[in-house]
């Protein structure tokens, strides 16, 4: 009852009228809100107009590479003099050749790209491409302490087509190995910077005009206009899409996983006679055909037996990637290999000799096996691989390079830049041996599973090498370690197939799960013997890492040391 009484009293009270000041204040709020809304509408309208306005002439030359405007990434302005387009060396390094190099001896710039190596100077209008001299209309220049290359004269080097669109101050560069598609515009329409409704207009196209098709997604197509502008239009406004140029896909020489075997013989021997035989699963053989002598000259050890070996290999469907070794030179002096690596002309002479030999004997590739080099020559050895690879690639040959584990001594391990080699060469071969080698005074395994796995992790993560470029090389041998009564330890290499003759009949084998190897220890003539055995089980464990890490394949050192049962196991494991 009380609540009803209070409600009745409240209803009977007269409503208070707004004062004049309050009414004026409310009116001002409404007016301010109204004009704010009008201003916002005007701003949006102006924005739409501005976004639809096209500035065809840029103050700065724009660069479009493969349908992407990279102007903001330019380190230096583009120069155009006498119709020659110059791109700075830092920009060449950024967009085309990260390994572009100043050759101090001859005051030239050396640049490589895919199948080409080119040398250009600062005086003569000539360029040397893959060993052949060519006349051009310009040379390298220096502006404000920056080197510039006449890229419009170097289209053959970088395999590009270049267009200078003066109307819009745009330069386009397109790789000739990439697909090019075009379409016809079905109506007049703006080309927008994005798919947003208020995106600014980059250009306008007219009905019937041909445009380059870059990509399509969710009802929009990214195009490039004849003015060199890249932007978006609705996909339904394009018709008659067609391919102008197909993408050139580089075919791998070997289908599937690499299964390589080194067929080694010394420089004093000759190629083995394998006529009438075959090796199950193998698709690449690497005979010891080439080496550097003590003067640094390329020598060959082929002869008639080597020629017969090549014929046998090709008849069986094997690719032939002969090994080129610096072992003879390295045993004499580290300075021999160093001398070649540190001189451009000597590197080029060696490369030219390698190319000529490959052509002469109809080889399929090369396996570079340089070891025992100076740590300070690491970058120059990389230069050798950088300069060799395009010359071999030009004639369809494979470059594979052997390296050791990414830890160890200066002349054994620290002499390789694995990241660069893995990036440049077709394959980088990890010689997963010797964890404990001939120079070790402490006995141990030749290739323990845990060490191989850890090293591979470094290749993939620390060195950032693509997994499908890595060939894992495993040993067909181990070492017999002998420790005498004075505690002195020595070792002797023992092949897999010889172990049965070496091991005593009553010796007990113990499996080491970390190493994934059998271990034996016994006494002979008062001396302690230790062997970490390489057999089918230890090899299978290591080779399983190929599938686990999607590696390129396997290499085996060396033919003749294996037991007969390894080939079917390797074939099964990698395939």
Protein backbone atom coordinates (compact mmCIF):
# COMPACT_ATOMS: atom_id res chain seq x y z
CA UNK A 1 0.00 0.00 0.00
CA UNK A 2 2.82 2.37 0.95
CA UNK A 3 4.53 1.81 -2.39
CA UNK A 4 1.36 2.59 -4.31
CA UNK A 5 0.88 5.80 -2.33
CA UNK A 6 4.42 7.01 -3.20
CA UNK A 7 3.89 6.28 -6.88
CA UNK A 8 0.65 8.28 -6.87
CA UNK A 9 2.33 11.25 -5.21
CA UNK A 10 5.19 11.17 -7.71
CA UNK A 11 2.76 11.09 -10.63
CA UNK A 12 0.91 14.16 -9.25
CA UNK A 13 4.15 16.25 -9.10
CA UNK A 14 4.47 18.64 -12.10
CA UNK A 15 7.50 18.03 -14.46
CA UNK A 16 10.25 20.65 -14.18
CA UNK A 17 10.64 22.72 -17.36
CA UNK A 18 14.12 23.16 -18.87
CA UNK A 19 15.68 26.56 -18.33
CA UNK A 20 16.62 28.77 -21.23
CA UNK A 21 20.29 28.08 -20.63
CA UNK A 22 19.71 24.32 -20.64
CA UNK A 23 17.73 24.50 -23.89
CA UNK A 24 20.51 26.51 -25.57
CA UNK A 25 23.15 24.05 -24.35
CA UNK A 26 21.20 21.09 -25.72
CA UNK A 27 20.76 22.85 -29.04
CA UNK A 28 24.51 23.44 -29.28
CA UNK A 29 25.22 19.75 -28.65
CA UNK A 30 22.82 18.71 -31.41
CA UNK A 31 24.28 21.28 -33.82
CA UNK A 32 27.86 20.20 -33.06
CA UNK A 33 26.97 16.56 -33.60
CA UNK A 34 25.31 17.36 -36.91
CA UNK A 35 28.27 19.29 -38.28
CA UNK A 36 30.70 16.63 -37.06
CA UNK A 37 28.79 14.03 -39.06
CA UNK A 38 28.81 16.30 -42.12
CA UNK A 39 32.57 16.83 -41.76
CA UNK A 40 33.16 13.09 -41.52
CA UNK A 41 31.11 12.49 -44.67
CA UNK A 42 33.12 15.19 -46.48
CA UNK A 43 36.44 13.68 -45.32
CA UNK A 44 35.42 10.22 -46.53
CA UNK A 45 34.26 11.68 -49.84
CA UNK A 46 37.52 13.60 -50.33
CA UNK A 47 39.52 10.50 -49.39
CA UNK A 48 37.69 8.51 -52.01
CA UNK A 49 38.40 11.19 -54.61
CA UNK A 50 42.07 11.42 -53.63
CA UNK A 51 42.43 7.65 -53.65
CA UNK A 52 40.97 7.60 -57.12
CA UNK A 53 43.48 10.14 -58.37
CA UNK A 54 46.43 8.68 -60.26
CA UNK A 55 49.89 10.17 -60.26
CA UNK A 56 51.43 8.61 -63.35
CA UNK A 57 54.77 10.37 -63.01
CA UNK A 58 56.90 9.41 -60.00
CA UNK A 59 59.68 11.69 -58.81
CA UNK A 60 61.85 8.63 -58.14
CA UNK A 61 62.35 5.87 -60.67
CA UNK A 62 60.31 2.87 -59.57
CA UNK A 63 61.66 -0.65 -60.03
CA UNK A 64 59.35 -3.60 -60.58
CA UNK A 65 61.00 -7.03 -60.59
CA UNK A 66 58.85 -10.02 -61.53
CA UNK A 67 55.64 -8.07 -60.91
CA UNK A 68 56.69 -6.79 -57.48
CA UNK A 69 57.45 -3.15 -56.81
CA UNK A 70 60.78 -3.26 -54.97
CA UNK A 71 61.50 0.48 -55.02
CA UNK A 72 61.37 0.74 -51.23
CA UNK A 73 64.10 -1.91 -51.04
CA UNK A 74 66.53 -0.04 -53.27
CA UNK A 75 69.75 0.87 -51.49
CA UNK A 76 70.69 3.44 -54.15
CA UNK A 77 68.87 5.34 -56.87
CA UNK A 78 68.70 3.85 -60.35
CA UNK A 79 70.83 5.73 -62.87
CA UNK A 80 69.90 6.24 -66.52
CA UNK A 81 72.61 7.73 -68.72
CA UNK A 82 72.58 7.70 -72.53
CA UNK A 83 69.69 5.21 -72.43
CA UNK A 84 71.79 2.81 -70.35
CA UNK A 85 70.18 1.66 -67.09
CA UNK A 86 72.59 1.27 -64.17
CA UNK A 87 71.88 -0.60 -60.96
CA UNK A 88 74.19 -0.28 -57.98
CA UNK A 89 76.32 -3.22 -56.91
CA UNK A 90 74.56 -3.43 -53.51
CA UNK A 91 71.21 -3.65 -55.32
CA UNK A 92 72.54 -6.30 -57.71
CA UNK A 93 73.59 -8.22 -54.60
CA UNK A 94 70.14 -7.76 -53.09
CA UNK A 95 68.06 -8.75 -56.10
CA UNK A 96 70.24 -11.00 -58.28
CA UNK A 97 73.65 -12.06 -57.01
CA UNK A 98 74.39 -12.13 -53.26
CA UNK A 99 77.95 -13.25 -54.08
CA UNK A 100 78.90 -10.41 -56.44
CA UNK A 101 82.59 -9.82 -55.97
CA UNK A 102 85.27 -7.14 -56.46
CA UNK A 103 88.28 -8.65 -58.18
CA UNK A 104 91.06 -6.39 -56.89
CA UNK A 105 93.84 -7.77 -59.10
CA UNK A 106 92.15 -6.77 -62.36
CA UNK A 107 89.85 -4.01 -61.02
CA UNK A 108 86.78 -5.84 -62.26
CA UNK A 109 83.46 -6.98 -60.86
CA UNK A 110 82.65 -10.68 -61.01
CA UNK A 111 78.99 -11.67 -60.88
CA UNK A 112 77.27 -15.04 -61.13
CA UNK A 113 73.66 -16.00 -61.72
CA UNK A 114 72.27 -19.46 -62.40
CA UNK A 115 74.21 -20.62 -65.49
CA UNK A 116 76.37 -17.55 -66.01
CA UNK A 117 79.54 -16.05 -64.60
CA UNK A 118 80.43 -12.61 -65.92
CA UNK A 119 83.35 -10.23 -65.50
CA UNK A 120 83.02 -6.52 -66.25
CA UNK A 121 85.50 -3.68 -65.80
CA UNK A 122 85.43 0.11 -65.40
CA UNK A 123 87.12 1.10 -68.67
CA UNK A 124 86.45 -1.10 -71.71
CA UNK A 125 82.97 -1.72 -73.07
CA UNK A 126 83.42 -5.47 -72.91
CA UNK A 127 82.06 -8.23 -70.76
CA UNK A 128 83.29 -11.81 -70.40
CA UNK A 129 80.44 -14.31 -69.99
CA UNK A 130 81.36 -17.94 -69.30
CA UNK A 131 84.80 -17.40 -70.77
CA UNK A 132 83.65 -15.65 -73.96
CA UNK A 133 84.25 -11.93 -74.53
CA UNK A 134 81.40 -9.78 -75.78
CA UNK A 135 81.26 -6.12 -76.84
CA UNK A 136 78.64 -3.99 -75.09
CA UNK A 137 77.72 -0.28 -75.06
CA UNK A 138 78.82 0.54 -71.51
CA UNK A 139 81.00 -0.48 -68.60
CA UNK A 140 80.82 -0.33 -64.82
CA UNK A 141 80.95 3.17 -63.33
CA UNK A 142 81.47 4.70 -59.91
CA UNK A 143 79.15 7.42 -58.56
CA UNK A 144 79.51 8.91 -55.09
CA UNK A 145 81.85 6.04 -54.11
CA UNK A 146 79.24 3.46 -55.19
CA UNK A 147 79.83 0.96 -58.00
CA UNK A 148 77.13 0.72 -60.67
CA UNK A 149 76.68 -1.96 -63.31
CA UNK A 150 75.01 -1.37 -66.70
CA UNK A 151 72.28 -3.91 -66.10
CA UNK A 152 70.52 -3.12 -69.38
CA UNK A 153 73.68 -4.43 -71.08
CA UNK A 154 73.77 -7.52 -68.84
CA UNK A 155 70.37 -9.02 -69.58
CA UNK A 156 72.01 -12.22 -70.83
CA UNK A 157 73.82 -12.62 -67.51
CA UNK A 158 70.74 -12.37 -65.31
CA UNK A 159 68.39 -13.88 -67.92
CA UNK A 160 65.93 -11.00 -67.78
CA UNK A 161 64.02 -8.68 -70.06
CA UNK A 162 64.03 -4.98 -69.17
CA UNK A 163 61.57 -2.24 -70.08
CA UNK A 164 61.95 1.46 -69.30
CA UNK A 165 58.48 3.04 -69.17
CA UNK A 166 59.36 6.73 -69.30
CA UNK A 167 55.72 7.91 -69.07
CA UNK A 168 55.40 6.62 -65.52
CA UNK A 169 59.09 6.54 -64.61
CA UNK A 170 58.95 2.79 -64.03
CA UNK A 171 61.55 0.18 -64.96
CA UNK A 172 60.41 -3.43 -65.14
CA UNK A 173 62.65 -6.49 -65.03
CA UNK A 174 61.23 -9.94 -65.71
CA UNK A 175 62.99 -13.30 -65.42
CA UNK A 176 62.70 -15.25 -68.64
CA UNK A 177 62.39 -18.56 -66.80
CA UNK A 178 59.17 -17.54 -65.02
CA UNK A 179 55.65 -18.03 -66.34
CA UNK A 180 53.94 -15.03 -67.92
CA UNK A 181 50.16 -14.87 -68.27
CA UNK A 182 47.95 -12.19 -69.80
CA UNK A 183 44.26 -11.39 -69.93
CA UNK A 184 41.95 -8.92 -71.66
CA UNK A 185 40.08 -6.23 -69.67
CA UNK A 186 36.33 -6.42 -70.32
CA UNK A 187 35.47 -2.83 -69.24
CA UNK A 188 37.05 0.45 -68.21
CA UNK A 189 38.03 0.24 -64.56
CA UNK A 190 40.49 1.47 -61.92
CA UNK A 191 43.40 -0.65 -60.69
CA UNK A 192 43.48 -0.51 -56.89
CA UNK A 193 46.44 -0.81 -54.51
CA UNK A 194 44.58 -3.49 -52.52
CA UNK A 195 41.22 -5.22 -52.37
CA UNK A 196 39.86 -2.74 -49.77
CA UNK A 197 36.93 -0.67 -50.95
CA UNK A 198 38.68 2.66 -50.26
CA UNK A 199 42.08 1.58 -51.63
CA UNK A 200 43.82 4.19 -53.76
CA UNK A 201 43.85 3.87 -57.50
CA UNK A 202 47.22 2.88 -58.94
CA UNK A 203 46.25 3.12 -62.61
CA UNK A 204 43.30 2.84 -64.98
CA UNK A 205 42.79 0.30 -67.73
CA UNK A 206 40.47 0.42 -70.70
CA UNK A 207 38.21 -2.16 -72.23
CA UNK A 208 40.12 -4.43 -74.60
CA UNK A 209 43.48 -3.64 -73.02
CA UNK A 210 45.92 -6.51 -72.34
CA UNK A 211 47.35 -6.81 -68.81
CA UNK A 212 49.73 -9.21 -67.11
CA UNK A 213 48.11 -11.60 -64.67
CA UNK A 214 50.10 -12.01 -61.46
CA UNK A 215 47.77 -14.01 -59.19
CA UNK A 216 44.11 -14.49 -58.28
CA UNK A 217 42.39 -14.91 -54.93
CA UNK A 218 38.87 -14.51 -53.52
CA UNK A 219 37.35 -12.78 -56.51
CA UNK A 220 40.26 -10.39 -57.15
CA UNK A 221 43.17 -10.63 -59.57
CA UNK A 222 46.51 -8.95 -59.13
CA UNK A 223 47.67 -7.49 -62.45
CA UNK A 224 50.41 -5.38 -63.97
CA UNK A 225 49.41 -2.70 -66.44
CA UNK A 226 51.28 -1.48 -69.50
CA UNK A 227 52.37 1.48 -67.35
CA UNK A 228 54.20 -0.93 -65.06
CA UNK A 229 51.73 -0.41 -62.22
CA UNK A 230 50.83 -3.39 -60.03
CA UNK A 231 47.38 -3.56 -58.43
CA UNK A 232 44.05 -5.33 -58.15
CA UNK A 233 40.88 -5.63 -60.21
CA UNK A 234 37.85 -7.84 -59.82
CA UNK A 235 38.45 -11.17 -61.50
CA UNK A 236 35.16 -11.08 -63.38
CA UNK A 237 36.38 -7.98 -65.24
CA UNK A 238 39.05 -10.04 -67.01
CA UNK A 239 38.55 -12.51 -69.85
CA UNK A 240 40.49 -14.65 -72.31
CA UNK A 241 43.37 -15.40 -69.96
CA UNK A 242 46.27 -17.00 -71.83
CA UNK A 243 49.87 -18.07 -71.19
CA UNK A 244 52.51 -16.06 -73.03
CA UNK A 245 55.50 -17.94 -71.64
CA UNK A 246 55.71 -21.23 -69.77
CA UNK A 247 57.79 -21.48 -66.62
CA UNK A 248 61.09 -23.23 -67.19
CA UNK A 249 61.41 -25.92 -64.56
CA UNK A 250 64.89 -27.24 -63.90
CA UNK A 251 64.82 -31.02 -64.06
CA UNK A 252 66.94 -32.96 -61.62
CA UNK A 253 69.48 -35.22 -63.21
CA UNK A 254 68.56 -38.13 -60.95
CA UNK A 255 64.97 -39.09 -60.16
CA UNK A 256 64.39 -39.88 -56.51
CA UNK A 257 67.13 -40.19 -53.90
CA UNK A 258 70.81 -40.08 -54.79
CA UNK A 259 72.61 -43.39 -54.20
CA UNK A 260 76.27 -42.63 -54.83
CA UNK A 261 79.32 -44.84 -54.48
CA UNK A 262 82.90 -43.61 -54.56
CA UNK A 263 85.10 -45.88 -56.65
CA UNK A 264 88.50 -44.86 -55.39
CA UNK A 265 91.91 -45.77 -56.68
CA UNK A 266 95.14 -43.85 -56.20
CA UNK A 267 96.79 -41.63 -58.79
CA UNK A 268 99.18 -44.51 -59.41
CA UNK A 269 96.38 -46.99 -60.15
CA UNK A 270 93.75 -47.16 -62.86
CA UNK A 271 89.99 -47.46 -63.10
CA UNK A 272 88.65 -50.90 -62.15
CA UNK A 273 87.18 -53.19 -64.76
CA UNK A 274 83.51 -53.56 -63.85
CA UNK A 275 82.27 -54.86 -67.18
CA UNK A 276 79.50 -57.41 -66.73
CA UNK A 277 78.68 -56.29 -63.19
CA UNK A 278 76.11 -53.97 -61.65
CA UNK A 279 75.52 -52.44 -58.22
CA UNK A 280 71.99 -52.78 -56.88
CA UNK A 281 70.24 -49.47 -56.26
CA UNK A 282 73.19 -47.25 -57.17
CA UNK A 283 72.49 -44.39 -59.60
CA UNK A 284 75.70 -42.33 -59.34
CA UNK A 285 79.33 -43.46 -59.42
CA UNK A 286 82.28 -41.26 -58.51
CA UNK A 287 85.59 -42.68 -59.77
CA UNK A 288 88.90 -41.04 -58.81
CA UNK A 289 89.55 -39.44 -62.19
CA UNK A 290 90.98 -36.00 -61.32
CA UNK A 291 93.47 -34.51 -58.88
CA UNK A 292 95.70 -31.49 -58.36
CA UNK A 293 99.39 -32.24 -58.56
CA UNK A 294 102.05 -30.71 -56.34
CA UNK A 295 102.21 -27.67 -58.64
CA UNK A 296 98.47 -27.14 -58.57
CA UNK A 297 97.79 -28.38 -62.11
CA UNK A 298 94.67 -30.41 -62.88
CA UNK A 299 95.73 -33.96 -63.71
CA UNK A 300 93.56 -36.80 -64.96
CA UNK A 301 93.85 -40.50 -64.32
CA UNK A 302 91.45 -41.87 -66.91
CA UNK A 303 93.09 -43.55 -69.88
CA UNK A 304 91.47 -46.41 -71.77
CA UNK A 305 90.35 -48.14 -68.58
CA UNK A 306 88.65 -44.96 -67.42
CA UNK A 307 86.87 -44.60 -70.75
CA UNK A 308 85.67 -48.21 -70.47
CA UNK A 309 84.48 -47.44 -66.93
CA UNK A 310 82.39 -44.50 -68.19
CA UNK A 311 80.85 -46.68 -70.89
CA UNK A 312 80.04 -49.38 -68.32
CA UNK A 313 78.43 -46.82 -65.99
CA UNK A 314 76.28 -45.22 -68.68
CA UNK A 315 75.26 -48.63 -70.00
CA UNK A 316 73.94 -49.47 -66.52
CA UNK A 317 72.11 -46.14 -66.23
CA UNK A 318 74.55 -44.64 -63.70
CA UNK A 319 75.50 -40.97 -63.77
CA UNK A 320 79.25 -40.36 -63.61
CA UNK A 321 80.38 -37.61 -61.19
CA UNK A 322 84.15 -38.15 -60.96
CA UNK A 323 85.96 -37.00 -57.87
CA UNK A 324 88.47 -34.18 -58.14
CA UNK A 325 90.86 -34.22 -55.20
CA UNK A 326 93.55 -31.89 -53.90
CA UNK A 327 95.06 -34.71 -51.84
CA UNK A 328 98.33 -34.85 -53.77
CA UNK A 329 98.78 -31.10 -53.49
CA UNK A 330 97.70 -31.00 -49.86
CA UNK A 331 100.24 -33.60 -48.78
CA UNK A 332 103.01 -31.41 -50.18
CA UNK A 333 101.86 -28.04 -48.91
CA UNK A 334 98.71 -26.22 -47.85
CA UNK A 335 99.95 -23.27 -49.87
CA UNK A 336 99.39 -25.01 -53.24
CA UNK A 337 95.60 -25.11 -52.93
CA UNK A 338 95.70 -21.71 -51.21
CA UNK A 339 97.60 -20.19 -54.13
CA UNK A 340 94.92 -21.28 -56.61
CA UNK A 341 91.98 -20.24 -54.46
CA UNK A 342 93.37 -16.73 -53.88
CA UNK A 343 93.91 -15.81 -57.53
CA UNK A 344 90.99 -15.24 -59.87
CA UNK A 345 92.85 -16.16 -63.05
CA UNK A 346 94.20 -19.38 -61.51
CA UNK A 347 90.70 -20.32 -60.35
CA UNK A 348 89.39 -19.65 -63.84
CA UNK A 349 92.14 -21.74 -65.43
CA UNK A 350 91.29 -24.66 -63.15
CA UNK A 351 87.56 -24.25 -63.84
CA UNK A 352 88.16 -24.08 -67.60
CA UNK A 353 90.21 -27.29 -67.44
CA UNK A 354 87.47 -29.04 -65.44
CA UNK A 355 84.79 -27.97 -67.92
CA UNK A 356 86.86 -29.09 -70.91
CA UNK A 357 87.53 -32.49 -69.32
CA UNK A 358 83.83 -32.99 -68.56
CA UNK A 359 82.93 -32.25 -72.17
CA UNK A 360 85.75 -34.41 -73.52
CA UNK A 361 84.71 -37.51 -71.55
CA UNK A 362 80.94 -36.89 -71.63
CA UNK A 363 80.64 -36.77 -67.85
CA UNK A 364 77.49 -35.96 -65.90
CA UNK A 365 78.94 -33.94 -63.06
CA UNK A 366 81.82 -33.41 -60.68
CA UNK A 367 82.42 -34.29 -57.04
CA UNK A 368 84.79 -31.73 -55.54
CA UNK A 369 86.75 -33.30 -52.68
CA UNK A 370 89.15 -30.63 -51.44
CA UNK A 371 90.43 -31.22 -47.92
CA UNK A 372 93.23 -29.99 -45.69
CA UNK A 373 92.92 -26.28 -46.53
CA UNK A 374 93.71 -23.13 -44.62
CA UNK A 375 90.93 -21.69 -42.47
CA UNK A 376 91.67 -18.20 -43.78
CA UNK A 377 90.96 -19.46 -47.33
CA UNK A 378 87.39 -20.43 -46.46
CA UNK A 379 85.80 -17.55 -48.39
CA UNK A 380 88.06 -18.03 -51.41
CA UNK A 381 87.22 -21.73 -51.58
CA UNK A 382 83.57 -20.67 -51.59
CA UNK A 383 84.42 -18.31 -54.48
CA UNK A 384 85.80 -21.30 -56.39
CA UNK A 385 82.51 -23.19 -55.95
CA UNK A 386 80.50 -20.04 -56.78
CA UNK A 387 82.42 -19.62 -60.04
CA UNK A 388 82.55 -23.32 -60.97
CA UNK A 389 78.86 -24.15 -60.51
CA UNK A 390 77.36 -21.94 -63.27
CA UNK A 391 79.95 -23.15 -65.79
CA UNK A 392 78.96 -26.76 -65.12
CA UNK A 393 75.25 -25.94 -64.95
CA UNK A 394 75.46 -24.29 -68.39
CA UNK A 395 76.30 -27.67 -69.93
CA UNK A 396 73.87 -29.63 -67.78
CA UNK A 397 76.36 -30.97 -65.26
CA UNK A 398 75.94 -31.41 -61.51
CA UNK A 399 78.23 -29.85 -58.92
CA UNK A 400 78.56 -31.81 -55.67
CA UNK A 401 80.96 -30.72 -52.94
CA UNK A 402 82.30 -32.81 -50.06
CA UNK A 403 82.54 -31.23 -46.61
CA UNK A 404 83.31 -32.47 -43.11
CA UNK A 405 81.26 -32.12 -39.92
CA UNK A 406 80.81 -28.51 -38.74
CA UNK A 407 83.20 -28.89 -35.83
CA UNK A 408 86.83 -29.86 -35.58
CA UNK A 409 90.22 -28.57 -36.63
CA UNK A 410 91.08 -25.45 -38.63
CA UNK A 411 92.30 -27.27 -41.75
CA UNK A 412 89.80 -30.12 -41.50
CA UNK A 413 86.51 -28.47 -40.58
CA UNK A 414 86.82 -24.70 -40.22
CA UNK A 415 87.96 -24.30 -43.84
CA UNK A 416 84.41 -24.71 -45.22
CA UNK A 417 81.57 -22.19 -45.39
CA UNK A 418 78.87 -24.83 -45.50
CA UNK A 419 76.02 -22.34 -45.81
CA UNK A 420 77.42 -20.77 -49.00
CA UNK A 421 78.47 -24.11 -50.51
CA UNK A 422 75.07 -25.62 -49.71
CA UNK A 423 73.30 -22.66 -51.26
CA UNK A 424 75.37 -22.54 -54.45
CA UNK A 425 76.22 -26.15 -55.35
CA UNK A 426 73.64 -28.66 -56.51
CA UNK A 427 74.55 -30.97 -53.62
CA UNK A 428 76.63 -30.69 -50.48
CA UNK A 429 77.99 -34.04 -49.33
CA UNK A 430 78.40 -34.47 -45.58
CA UNK A 431 81.24 -36.95 -45.07
CA UNK A 432 79.89 -38.39 -41.81
CA UNK A 433 83.29 -39.75 -40.80
CA UNK A 434 85.81 -39.64 -39.08
CA UNK A 435 84.45 -38.82 -35.65
CA UNK A 436 87.67 -40.36 -34.33
CA UNK A 437 90.16 -40.38 -37.15
CA UNK A 438 93.64 -41.52 -37.94
CA UNK A 439 95.22 -38.58 -36.08
CA UNK A 440 93.27 -39.24 -32.89
CA UNK A 441 95.23 -40.42 -29.84
CA UNK A 442 92.01 -41.48 -28.16
CA UNK A 443 90.08 -44.53 -29.39
CA UNK A 444 86.51 -44.07 -30.54
CA UNK A 445 83.94 -44.72 -33.21
CA UNK A 446 84.37 -43.73 -36.82
CA UNK A 447 80.75 -42.60 -37.14
CA UNK A 448 78.46 -42.84 -34.14
CA UNK A 449 74.74 -42.34 -34.77
CA UNK A 450 74.43 -39.61 -32.12
CA UNK A 451 77.32 -37.62 -33.62
CA UNK A 452 75.98 -37.97 -37.17
CA UNK A 453 72.51 -36.89 -36.06
CA UNK A 454 73.85 -33.88 -34.13
CA UNK A 455 76.00 -32.82 -37.09
CA UNK A 456 73.01 -33.06 -39.44
CA UNK A 457 71.02 -30.84 -37.10
CA UNK A 458 73.78 -28.23 -37.41
CA UNK A 459 73.70 -28.52 -41.22
CA UNK A 460 69.95 -27.96 -41.27
CA UNK A 461 69.53 -25.39 -38.51
CA UNK A 462 72.79 -23.57 -37.85
CA UNK A 463 74.10 -23.67 -41.42
CA UNK A 464 70.55 -23.31 -42.84
CA UNK A 465 71.07 -25.69 -45.74
CA UNK A 466 68.03 -27.05 -47.57
CA UNK A 467 67.57 -30.68 -46.65
CA UNK A 468 67.07 -31.87 -50.23
CA UNK A 469 70.56 -30.65 -51.09
CA UNK A 470 72.36 -32.73 -48.47
CA UNK A 471 73.83 -36.12 -49.34
CA UNK A 472 74.72 -38.13 -46.24
CA UNK A 473 77.96 -40.05 -46.80
CA UNK A 474 78.53 -43.14 -44.64
CA UNK A 475 81.65 -45.31 -44.20
CA UNK A 476 82.10 -48.90 -45.30
CA UNK A 477 85.00 -49.12 -42.87
CA UNK A 478 85.96 -48.76 -39.22
CA UNK A 479 89.19 -48.68 -37.25
CA UNK A 480 90.94 -51.25 -35.12
CA UNK A 481 92.36 -49.37 -32.14
CA UNK A 482 95.44 -50.75 -30.40
CA UNK A 483 96.67 -49.55 -27.02
CA UNK A 484 100.04 -50.90 -25.88
CA UNK A 485 101.29 -51.42 -22.32
CA UNK A 486 102.66 -47.87 -22.27
CA UNK A 487 99.22 -46.43 -23.00
CA UNK A 488 100.06 -45.36 -26.55
CA UNK A 489 97.10 -45.69 -28.93
CA UNK A 490 97.24 -46.21 -32.69
CA UNK A 491 94.66 -47.25 -35.25
CA UNK A 492 94.40 -49.10 -38.53
CA UNK A 493 91.58 -48.94 -41.06
CA UNK A 494 89.52 -52.11 -41.48
CA UNK A 495 86.85 -52.62 -44.12
CA UNK A 496 83.44 -54.03 -43.27
CA UNK A 497 84.09 -57.21 -45.19
CA UNK A 498 87.42 -57.84 -43.44
CA UNK A 499 86.03 -57.73 -39.89
CA UNK A 500 85.07 -61.40 -39.80
CA UNK A 501 88.69 -62.30 -40.47
CA UNK A 502 89.96 -59.83 -37.85
CA UNK A 503 87.64 -60.62 -34.92
CA UNK A 504 88.43 -63.59 -32.66
CA UNK A 505 85.75 -66.30 -32.72
CA UNK A 506 84.90 -65.94 -29.03
CA UNK A 507 84.71 -62.14 -28.88
CA UNK A 508 81.52 -60.71 -27.37
CA UNK A 509 79.73 -57.92 -29.20
CA UNK A 510 77.95 -55.29 -27.11
CA UNK A 511 75.33 -53.00 -28.65
CA UNK A 512 75.65 -49.30 -27.82
CA UNK A 513 72.22 -47.71 -28.16
CA UNK A 514 73.54 -44.12 -28.39
CA UNK A 515 76.05 -44.96 -31.09
CA UNK A 516 73.81 -47.65 -32.59
CA UNK A 517 76.87 -49.84 -33.10
CA UNK A 518 78.29 -53.07 -31.81
CA UNK A 519 81.45 -52.67 -29.75
CA UNK A 520 84.13 -55.26 -29.09
CA UNK A 521 87.15 -55.25 -26.82
CA UNK A 522 89.79 -57.96 -26.51
CA UNK A 523 93.49 -58.54 -25.88
CA UNK A 524 95.92 -59.67 -28.54
CA UNK A 525 99.62 -60.21 -27.91
CA UNK A 526 99.28 -58.29 -24.66
CA UNK A 527 97.76 -55.25 -26.36
CA UNK A 528 94.25 -53.93 -25.89
CA UNK A 529 92.10 -53.97 -29.04
CA UNK A 530 88.91 -51.93 -29.47
CA UNK A 531 86.56 -51.84 -32.47
CA UNK A 532 83.34 -49.93 -33.01
CA UNK A 533 81.87 -52.11 -35.72
CA UNK A 534 80.29 -50.87 -38.95
CA UNK A 535 77.80 -53.48 -40.08
CA UNK A 536 74.33 -53.71 -41.57
CA UNK A 537 72.64 -52.55 -38.35
CA UNK A 538 74.89 -49.50 -37.77
CA UNK A 539 74.60 -48.37 -41.38
CA UNK A 540 70.84 -48.84 -41.40
CA UNK A 541 70.51 -46.61 -38.33
CA UNK A 542 72.51 -43.79 -39.91
CA UNK A 543 70.81 -44.12 -43.29
CA UNK A 544 67.40 -43.86 -41.58
CA UNK A 545 68.28 -40.19 -40.99
CA UNK A 546 67.90 -39.58 -44.73
CA UNK A 547 64.19 -40.34 -44.68
CA UNK A 548 63.67 -38.65 -41.31
CA UNK A 549 65.19 -35.38 -42.56
CA UNK A 550 64.18 -35.60 -46.24
CA UNK A 551 67.82 -35.53 -47.37
CA UNK A 552 68.90 -35.80 -50.99
CA UNK A 553 70.36 -39.27 -50.62
CA UNK A 554 73.36 -41.31 -49.59
CA UNK A 555 77.02 -41.55 -50.52
CA UNK A 556 79.18 -44.53 -49.57
CA UNK A 557 82.95 -44.62 -49.08
CA UNK A 558 84.18 -46.74 -50.73
CA UNK A 559 83.44 -49.47 -53.27
CA UNK A 560 85.10 -52.76 -52.38
CA UNK A 561 84.96 -52.31 -48.61
CA UNK A 562 81.32 -53.34 -48.21
CA UNK A 563 79.63 -56.64 -47.54
CA UNK A 564 77.29 -57.89 -50.26
CA UNK A 565 74.12 -57.41 -48.19
CA UNK A 566 74.42 -53.61 -47.84
CA UNK A 567 73.08 -52.73 -51.29
CA UNK A 568 69.58 -54.15 -50.91
CA UNK A 569 69.34 -52.57 -47.44
CA UNK A 570 70.38 -49.11 -48.69
CA UNK A 571 68.03 -49.31 -51.64
CA UNK A 572 65.12 -50.23 -49.37
CA UNK A 573 65.95 -47.60 -46.73
CA UNK A 574 66.28 -44.57 -49.01
CA UNK A 575 63.33 -45.44 -51.23
